[in-house]
Amino acid sequence: KPAGMLCHSVPGKKRKGDASLEDALMGVGLSLSVINPAASGIVHRLDRGASGCLILAKNDCAHAHLVAEFFRRDVDKSYVALVPGVVDALKLDDDGIIDEEVDNRP
């Protein structure tokens, strides 16, 4: 999903001319899970400003299993950020990775 695109068509959140990922998926006619009609097969979401990969469920069984994995926090997520300016070298590990919690969430 590119940055700036909503995952779902949420009333009041779409701007004029916006298309959501949900709209795009409906437009290509993919066969996706219908266990949660509001999700259109989308297992999780990314904020409008974030770009990245999303998991889509092709059937209800897979959707239920994947949502449970996210709910139990069994899914490992990693994020890449472009940071302007100078990064504090003390926070970098040997691979140039900063491993810090965001908003007190691991």
N, C-alpha and C. Protein backbone atom coordinates (compact mmCIF):
# COMPACT_ATOMS: atom_id res chain seq x y z
N LYS A 1 0.85 -1.16 0.00
CA LYS A 1 0.00 0.00 0.00
C LYS A 1 0.90 1.23 0.00
N PRO A 2 0.61 2.15 -0.88
CA PRO A 2 1.41 3.38 -0.86
C PRO A 2 0.98 4.32 0.27
N ALA A 3 1.90 5.15 0.70
CA ALA A 3 1.57 6.16 1.71
C ALA A 3 0.49 7.08 1.16
N GLY A 4 -0.42 7.49 2.04
CA GLY A 4 -1.50 8.38 1.63
C GLY A 4 -2.79 7.66 1.30
N MET A 5 -2.75 6.35 1.16
CA MET A 5 -3.95 5.58 0.82
C MET A 5 -4.54 4.96 2.08
N LEU A 6 -5.85 5.05 2.23
CA LEU A 6 -6.54 4.36 3.33
C LEU A 6 -6.63 2.87 3.02
N CYS A 7 -6.65 2.06 4.06
CA CYS A 7 -6.88 0.62 3.87
C CYS A 7 -8.35 0.35 3.57
N HIS A 8 -9.23 1.00 4.33
CA HIS A 8 -10.67 0.77 4.21
C HIS A 8 -11.38 2.06 3.82
N SER A 9 -12.53 1.91 3.20
CA SER A 9 -13.38 3.05 2.89
C SER A 9 -14.15 3.43 4.15
N VAL A 10 -13.62 4.36 4.91
CA VAL A 10 -14.23 4.78 6.17
C VAL A 10 -14.96 6.10 5.96
N PRO A 11 -16.27 6.12 6.21
CA PRO A 11 -17.00 7.38 6.06
C PRO A 11 -16.37 8.48 6.91
N GLY A 12 -16.19 9.63 6.32
CA GLY A 12 -15.63 10.76 7.04
C GLY A 12 -14.11 10.83 6.99
N LYS A 13 -13.45 9.75 6.56
CA LYS A 13 -11.98 9.74 6.50
C LYS A 13 -11.48 9.93 5.07
N LYS A 14 -12.30 9.55 4.09
CA LYS A 14 -11.88 9.69 2.70
C LYS A 14 -11.96 11.14 2.26
N ARG A 15 -10.98 11.54 1.52
CA ARG A 15 -10.97 12.88 0.92
C ARG A 15 -11.49 12.75 -0.51
N LYS A 16 -11.98 13.84 -1.05
CA LYS A 16 -12.52 13.81 -2.40
C LYS A 16 -11.47 13.26 -3.37
N GLY A 17 -11.88 12.28 -4.15
CA GLY A 17 -10.97 11.68 -5.12
C GLY A 17 -10.12 10.56 -4.57
N ASP A 18 -10.18 10.30 -3.26
CA ASP A 18 -9.39 9.22 -2.65
C ASP A 18 -9.93 7.86 -3.07
N ALA A 19 -9.03 6.93 -3.23
CA ALA A 19 -9.40 5.53 -3.38
C ALA A 19 -8.73 4.78 -2.24
N SER A 20 -9.42 3.83 -1.67
CA SER A 20 -8.83 3.03 -0.60
C SER A 20 -8.31 1.72 -1.19
N LEU A 21 -7.50 1.02 -0.42
CA LEU A 21 -7.04 -0.30 -0.84
C LEU A 21 -8.25 -1.21 -1.04
N GLU A 22 -9.22 -1.09 -0.16
CA GLU A 22 -10.45 -1.88 -0.28
C GLU A 22 -11.13 -1.61 -1.63
N ASP A 23 -11.23 -0.34 -2.02
CA ASP A 23 -11.82 0.01 -3.32
C ASP A 23 -11.04 -0.64 -4.45
N ALA A 24 -9.73 -0.58 -4.37
CA ALA A 24 -8.89 -1.15 -5.42
C ALA A 24 -9.07 -2.66 -5.52
N LEU A 25 -9.14 -3.33 -4.36
CA LEU A 25 -9.33 -4.78 -4.37
C LEU A 25 -10.68 -5.17 -4.97
N MET A 26 -11.71 -4.41 -4.63
CA MET A 26 -13.04 -4.68 -5.17
C MET A 26 -13.04 -4.48 -6.69
N GLY A 27 -12.25 -3.50 -7.13
CA GLY A 27 -12.21 -3.17 -8.55
C GLY A 27 -11.57 -4.23 -9.42
N VAL A 28 -10.67 -5.05 -8.84
CA VAL A 28 -10.02 -6.08 -9.63
C VAL A 28 -10.68 -7.44 -9.47
N GLY A 29 -11.68 -7.54 -8.61
CA GLY A 29 -12.46 -8.76 -8.48
C GLY A 29 -11.74 -9.95 -7.87
N LEU A 30 -10.81 -9.70 -6.96
CA LEU A 30 -10.14 -10.81 -6.27
C LEU A 30 -11.12 -11.54 -5.36
N SER A 31 -10.96 -12.84 -5.27
CA SER A 31 -11.78 -13.64 -4.36
C SER A 31 -11.11 -13.62 -2.99
N LEU A 32 -11.70 -12.87 -2.05
CA LEU A 32 -11.12 -12.73 -0.72
C LEU A 32 -12.11 -13.16 0.35
N SER A 33 -11.62 -13.32 1.56
CA SER A 33 -12.43 -13.70 2.70
C SER A 33 -13.62 -12.77 2.88
N VAL A 34 -14.74 -13.35 3.31
CA VAL A 34 -15.95 -12.56 3.60
C VAL A 34 -16.38 -12.72 5.06
N ILE A 35 -15.49 -13.31 5.89
CA ILE A 35 -15.83 -13.54 7.30
C ILE A 35 -16.15 -12.22 8.00
N ASN A 36 -15.46 -11.15 7.59
CA ASN A 36 -15.74 -9.82 8.12
C ASN A 36 -15.98 -8.91 6.92
N PRO A 37 -17.25 -8.70 6.56
CA PRO A 37 -17.53 -7.90 5.37
C PRO A 37 -16.91 -6.50 5.39
N ALA A 38 -16.69 -5.94 6.57
CA ALA A 38 -16.07 -4.62 6.67
C ALA A 38 -14.59 -4.65 6.34
N ALA A 39 -13.97 -5.83 6.36
CA ALA A 39 -12.53 -5.95 6.14
C ALA A 39 -12.18 -6.29 4.70
N SER A 40 -13.08 -6.89 3.95
CA SER A 40 -12.82 -7.26 2.55
C SER A 40 -11.53 -8.05 2.38
N GLY A 41 -11.28 -8.98 3.30
CA GLY A 41 -10.10 -9.83 3.20
C GLY A 41 -8.84 -9.22 3.78
N ILE A 42 -8.87 -7.95 4.18
CA ILE A 42 -7.69 -7.29 4.75
C ILE A 42 -7.56 -7.71 6.21
N VAL A 43 -6.43 -8.33 6.56
CA VAL A 43 -6.23 -8.91 7.89
C VAL A 43 -5.84 -7.87 8.92
N HIS A 44 -5.06 -6.89 8.54
CA HIS A 44 -4.63 -5.83 9.45
C HIS A 44 -4.59 -4.55 8.64
N ARG A 45 -4.16 -3.46 9.22
CA ARG A 45 -4.14 -2.20 8.48
C ARG A 45 -2.84 -1.46 8.73
N LEU A 46 -2.60 -0.51 7.88
CA LEU A 46 -1.51 0.44 8.07
C LEU A 46 -2.13 1.83 8.08
N ASP A 47 -1.57 2.73 8.85
CA ASP A 47 -2.05 4.10 8.88
C ASP A 47 -1.95 4.73 7.50
N ARG A 48 -2.78 5.72 7.25
CA ARG A 48 -2.81 6.39 5.94
C ARG A 48 -1.41 6.83 5.52
N GLY A 49 -0.65 7.37 6.43
CA GLY A 49 0.66 7.91 6.08
C GLY A 49 1.75 6.88 5.88
N ALA A 50 1.47 5.63 6.20
CA ALA A 50 2.49 4.57 6.10
C ALA A 50 2.35 3.81 4.79
N SER A 51 3.49 3.43 4.23
CA SER A 51 3.48 2.54 3.07
C SER A 51 3.98 1.19 3.54
N GLY A 52 3.61 0.13 2.84
CA GLY A 52 4.11 -1.17 3.22
C GLY A 52 3.24 -2.30 2.73
N CYS A 53 3.61 -3.50 3.14
CA CYS A 53 2.91 -4.72 2.74
C CYS A 53 1.80 -5.03 3.73
N LEU A 54 0.72 -5.55 3.20
CA LEU A 54 -0.41 -5.97 4.02
C LEU A 54 -0.70 -7.43 3.74
N ILE A 55 -1.31 -8.08 4.70
CA ILE A 55 -1.71 -9.48 4.53
C ILE A 55 -3.19 -9.51 4.18
N LEU A 56 -3.50 -10.21 3.09
CA LEU A 56 -4.88 -10.41 2.65
C LEU A 56 -5.22 -11.88 2.80
N ALA A 57 -6.44 -12.17 3.22
CA ALA A 57 -6.88 -13.56 3.37
C ALA A 57 -7.79 -13.93 2.20
N LYS A 58 -7.48 -15.05 1.57
CA LYS A 58 -8.28 -15.49 0.44
C LYS A 58 -9.51 -16.27 0.86
N ASN A 59 -9.51 -16.77 2.11
CA ASN A 59 -10.68 -17.52 2.58
C ASN A 59 -10.91 -17.24 4.06
N ASP A 60 -12.10 -17.60 4.54
CA ASP A 60 -12.50 -17.28 5.91
C ASP A 60 -11.64 -17.99 6.96
N CYS A 61 -11.26 -19.22 6.70
CA CYS A 61 -10.44 -19.98 7.66
C CYS A 61 -9.09 -19.29 7.85
N ALA A 62 -8.45 -18.93 6.76
CA ALA A 62 -7.16 -18.24 6.83
C ALA A 62 -7.30 -16.89 7.52
N HIS A 63 -8.38 -16.18 7.22
CA HIS A 63 -8.61 -14.86 7.82
C HIS A 63 -8.72 -14.98 9.35
N ALA A 64 -9.53 -15.92 9.81
CA ALA A 64 -9.71 -16.10 11.26
C ALA A 64 -8.38 -16.46 11.93
N HIS A 65 -7.62 -17.34 11.30
CA HIS A 65 -6.33 -17.75 11.86
C HIS A 65 -5.35 -16.58 11.92
N LEU A 66 -5.28 -15.81 10.84
CA LEU A 66 -4.34 -14.69 10.79
C LEU A 66 -4.71 -13.58 11.77
N VAL A 67 -6.00 -13.26 11.87
CA VAL A 67 -6.44 -12.24 12.82
C VAL A 67 -6.09 -12.67 14.25
N ALA A 68 -6.26 -13.94 14.55
CA ALA A 68 -5.90 -14.46 15.89
C ALA A 68 -4.40 -14.31 16.14
N GLU A 69 -3.58 -14.56 15.12
CA GLU A 69 -2.12 -14.39 15.26
C GLU A 69 -1.78 -12.94 15.61
N PHE A 70 -2.40 -12.00 14.92
CA PHE A 70 -2.16 -10.58 15.20
C PHE A 70 -2.66 -10.22 16.59
N PHE A 71 -3.85 -10.71 16.96
CA PHE A 71 -4.43 -10.40 18.26
C PHE A 71 -3.52 -10.88 19.40
N ARG A 72 -2.96 -12.08 19.24
CA ARG A 72 -2.06 -12.63 20.28
C ARG A 72 -0.65 -12.05 20.19
N ARG A 73 -0.43 -11.17 19.23
CA ARG A 73 0.89 -10.56 18.98
C ARG A 73 1.95 -11.62 18.68
N ASP A 74 1.53 -12.66 17.96
CA ASP A 74 2.46 -13.70 17.53
C ASP A 74 3.17 -13.34 16.23
N VAL A 75 2.78 -12.23 15.63
CA VAL A 75 3.35 -11.79 14.36
C VAL A 75 4.50 -10.83 14.65
N ASP A 76 5.67 -11.12 14.10
CA ASP A 76 6.80 -10.21 14.23
C ASP A 76 6.71 -9.18 13.11
N LYS A 77 6.79 -7.92 13.48
CA LYS A 77 6.74 -6.83 12.50
C LYS A 77 8.05 -6.06 12.57
N SER A 78 8.48 -5.58 11.45
CA SER A 78 9.64 -4.69 11.44
C SER A 78 9.31 -3.50 10.56
N TYR A 79 9.92 -2.39 10.86
CA TYR A 79 9.64 -1.14 10.17
C TYR A 79 10.95 -0.52 9.71
N VAL A 80 10.92 0.10 8.58
CA VAL A 80 12.07 0.81 8.05
C VAL A 80 11.65 2.27 7.95
N ALA A 81 12.51 3.15 8.44
CA ALA A 81 12.20 4.58 8.40
C ALA A 81 13.37 5.34 7.80
N LEU A 82 13.03 6.33 7.00
CA LEU A 82 14.04 7.26 6.51
C LEU A 82 14.04 8.43 7.48
N VAL A 83 15.21 8.68 8.05
CA VAL A 83 15.31 9.70 9.09
C VAL A 83 16.19 10.85 8.59
N PRO A 84 15.62 12.05 8.53
CA PRO A 84 16.45 13.19 8.11
C PRO A 84 17.38 13.61 9.25
N GLY A 85 18.50 14.15 8.89
CA GLY A 85 19.42 14.66 9.91
C GLY A 85 20.41 13.61 10.37
N VAL A 86 20.87 13.77 11.58
CA VAL A 86 21.90 12.90 12.15
C VAL A 86 21.27 11.97 13.18
N VAL A 87 21.60 10.68 13.08
CA VAL A 87 21.08 9.69 14.03
C VAL A 87 22.10 9.51 15.14
N ASP A 88 21.62 9.42 16.37
CA ASP A 88 22.48 9.21 17.54
C ASP A 88 23.17 7.85 17.41
N ALA A 89 24.47 7.85 17.18
CA ALA A 89 25.23 6.62 16.97
C ALA A 89 25.16 5.68 18.16
N LEU A 90 24.90 6.20 19.36
CA LEU A 90 24.81 5.35 20.55
C LEU A 90 23.60 4.44 20.52
N LYS A 91 22.59 4.77 19.71
CA LYS A 91 21.38 3.95 19.64
C LYS A 91 21.47 2.88 18.55
N LEU A 92 22.52 2.92 17.74
CA LEU A 92 22.66 1.96 16.64
C LEU A 92 23.40 0.71 17.10
N ASP A 93 22.92 -0.45 16.64
CA ASP A 93 23.68 -1.67 16.90
C ASP A 93 24.70 -1.86 15.77
N ASP A 94 25.40 -2.98 15.76
CA ASP A 94 26.47 -3.20 14.77
C ASP A 94 25.95 -3.24 13.34
N ASP A 95 24.66 -3.53 13.15
CA ASP A 95 24.08 -3.58 11.81
C ASP A 95 23.41 -2.27 11.42
N GLY A 96 23.55 -1.24 12.25
CA GLY A 96 22.93 0.05 11.96
C GLY A 96 21.45 0.08 12.28
N ILE A 97 21.00 -0.80 13.17
CA ILE A 97 19.59 -0.90 13.52
C ILE A 97 19.35 -0.24 14.87
N ILE A 98 18.26 0.52 14.97
CA ILE A 98 17.81 1.08 16.24
C ILE A 98 16.65 0.20 16.73
N ASP A 99 16.83 -0.43 17.86
CA ASP A 99 15.79 -1.32 18.41
C ASP A 99 15.20 -0.65 19.63
N GLU A 100 14.20 0.18 19.40
CA GLU A 100 13.56 0.95 20.47
C GLU A 100 12.06 0.74 20.41
N GLU A 101 11.41 0.81 21.56
CA GLU A 101 9.96 0.74 21.60
C GLU A 101 9.37 2.04 21.08
N VAL A 102 8.21 1.95 20.47
CA VAL A 102 7.48 3.12 20.00
C VAL A 102 6.24 3.26 20.87
N ASP A 103 6.10 4.38 21.52
CA ASP A 103 4.95 4.61 22.41
C ASP A 103 4.80 3.50 23.44
N ASN A 104 5.92 3.07 24.03
CA ASN A 104 5.95 2.03 25.06
C ASN A 104 5.41 0.68 24.58
N ARG A 105 5.48 0.44 23.28
CA ARG A 105 5.05 -0.85 22.71
C ARG A 105 6.28 -1.52 22.11
N PRO A 106 6.54 -2.78 22.47
CA PRO A 106 7.74 -3.46 21.93
C PRO A 106 7.62 -3.69 20.43
